[in-house]
C-alpha atoms as a PDB file:
ATOM      1  CA  MET A   1      59.159  81.150 143.111  1.00  0.00           C
ATOM      2  CA  ARG A   2      60.484  80.778 139.580  1.00  0.00           C
ATOM      3  CA  PHE A   3      58.350  77.644 139.161  1.00  0.00           C
ATOM      4  CA  PHE A   4      55.134  79.629 139.710  1.00  0.00           C
ATOM      5  CA  THR A   5      56.270  82.415 137.377  1.00  0.00           C
ATOM      6  CA  ASP A   6      56.984  79.888 134.630  1.00  0.00           C
ATOM      7  CA  LEU A   7      53.677  78.144 135.255  1.00  0.00           C
ATOM      8  CA  HIS A   8      51.802  81.443 135.024  1.00  0.00           C
ATOM      9  CA  ARG A   9      53.619  82.478 131.846  1.00  0.00           C
ATOM     10  CA  ASN A  10      53.003  79.105 130.211  1.00  0.00           C
ATOM     11  CA  ARG A  11      49.292  79.531 130.896  1.00  0.00           C
ATOM     12  CA  ILE A  12      49.378  82.977 129.286  1.00  0.00           C
ATOM     13  CA  ILE A  13      51.118  81.853 126.101  1.00  0.00           C
ATOM     14  CA  SER A  14      48.981  78.727 125.763  1.00  0.00           C
ATOM     15  CA  GLU A  15      46.049  80.966 124.852  1.00  0.00           C
ATOM     16  CA  GLU A  16      45.487  82.035 121.254  1.00  0.00           C
ATOM     17  CA  PHE A  17      47.094  85.347 120.303  1.00  0.00           C
ATOM     18  CA  PRO A  18      44.306  87.902 119.722  1.00  0.00           C
ATOM     19  CA  GLU A  19      43.762  88.495 116.012  1.00  0.00           C
ATOM     20  CA  GLU A  20      43.127  92.209 116.671  1.00  0.00           C
ATOM     21  CA  TRP A  21      46.585  92.495 118.201  1.00  0.00           C
ATOM     22  CA  ARG A  22      48.159  90.684 115.247  1.00  0.00           C
ATOM     23  CA  HIS A  23      46.397  93.067 112.870  1.00  0.00           C
ATOM     24  CA  CYS A  24      47.848  96.028 114.813  1.00  0.00           C
ATOM     25  CA  LEU A  25      51.317  94.530 114.648  1.00  0.00           C
ATOM     26  CA  LYS A  26      51.004  93.988 110.900  1.00  0.00           C
ATOM     27  CA  THR A  27      49.728  97.489 110.175  1.00  0.00           C
ATOM     28  CA  LYS A  28      51.390  99.682 112.830  1.00  0.00           C
ATOM     29  CA  PHE A  29      54.703  97.874 113.360  1.00  0.00           C
ATOM     30  CA  ARG A  30      55.967  97.286 109.843  1.00  0.00           C
ATOM     31  CA  ALA A  31      59.090  95.449 110.958  1.00  0.00           C
ATOM     32  CA  TYR A  32      56.780  92.668 112.188  1.00  0.00           C
ATOM     33  CA  ASN A  33      56.124  91.635 108.595  1.00  0.00           C
ATOM     34  CA  LEU A  34      59.850  91.219 107.972  1.00  0.00           C
ATOM     35  CA  LEU A  35      60.409  88.855 110.894  1.00  0.00           C
ATOM     36  CA  PRO A  36      60.730  85.105 110.397  1.00  0.00           C
ATOM     37  CA  ASP A  37      57.754  83.141 111.763  1.00  0.00           C
ATOM     38  CA  ALA A  38      59.692  81.938 114.823  1.00  0.00           C
ATOM     39  CA  ASP A  39      60.513  85.534 115.783  1.00  0.00           C
ATOM     40  CA  LYS A  40      56.911  86.608 115.232  1.00  0.00           C
ATOM     41  CA  HIS A  41      55.746  83.919 117.659  1.00  0.00           C
ATOM     42  CA  LYS A  42      58.389  84.928 120.206  1.00  0.00           C
ATOM     43  CA  LEU A  43      57.328  88.579 119.954  1.00  0.00           C
ATOM     44  CA  GLU A  44      53.671  87.622 120.348  1.00  0.00           C
ATOM     45  CA  ASP A  45      54.457  85.492 123.420  1.00  0.00           C
ATOM     46  CA  ASP A  46      56.550  88.248 124.978  1.00  0.00           C
ATOM     47  CA  LEU A  47      53.852  90.827 124.260  1.00  0.00           C
ATOM     48  CA  ARG A  48      51.157  88.720 125.944  1.00  0.00           C
ATOM     49  CA  ILE A  49      53.341  88.210 129.020  1.00  0.00           C
ATOM     50  CA  PHE A  50      54.197  91.912 129.164  1.00  0.00           C
ATOM     51  CA  MET A  51      50.548  92.957 128.900  1.00  0.00           C
ATOM     52  CA  GLU A  52      49.482  90.472 131.571  1.00  0.00           C
ATOM     53  CA  GLU A  53      52.227  91.195 134.120  1.00  0.00           C
ATOM     54  CA  LYS A  54      52.288  94.989 134.028  1.00  0.00           C
ATOM     55  CA  THR A  55      49.951  97.211 135.974  1.00  0.00           C
ATOM     56  CA  TRP A  56      48.102  99.679 133.737  1.00  0.00           C
ATOM     57  CA  GLU A  57      46.660 102.934 135.030  1.00  0.00           C
ATOM     58  CA  GLY A  58      44.764 105.520 133.071  1.00  0.00           C
ATOM     59  CA  CYS A  59      45.716 109.157 133.420  1.00  0.00           C
ATOM     60  CA  GLY A  60      43.668 112.237 133.029  1.00  0.00           C
END
């Protein structure tokens, strides 16, 4: 099962990180600008995986 999870995650992170998301990180999450480039890429990869794998429901 781990093989398919890794395959799915690799597909997710192979796509370009949305520029709108990067803009939000730069302006709303000020610590992002202090991170080294390698950590920025790791955060972006983790964020894409998180957004893809979680179920989102509106409320109200």
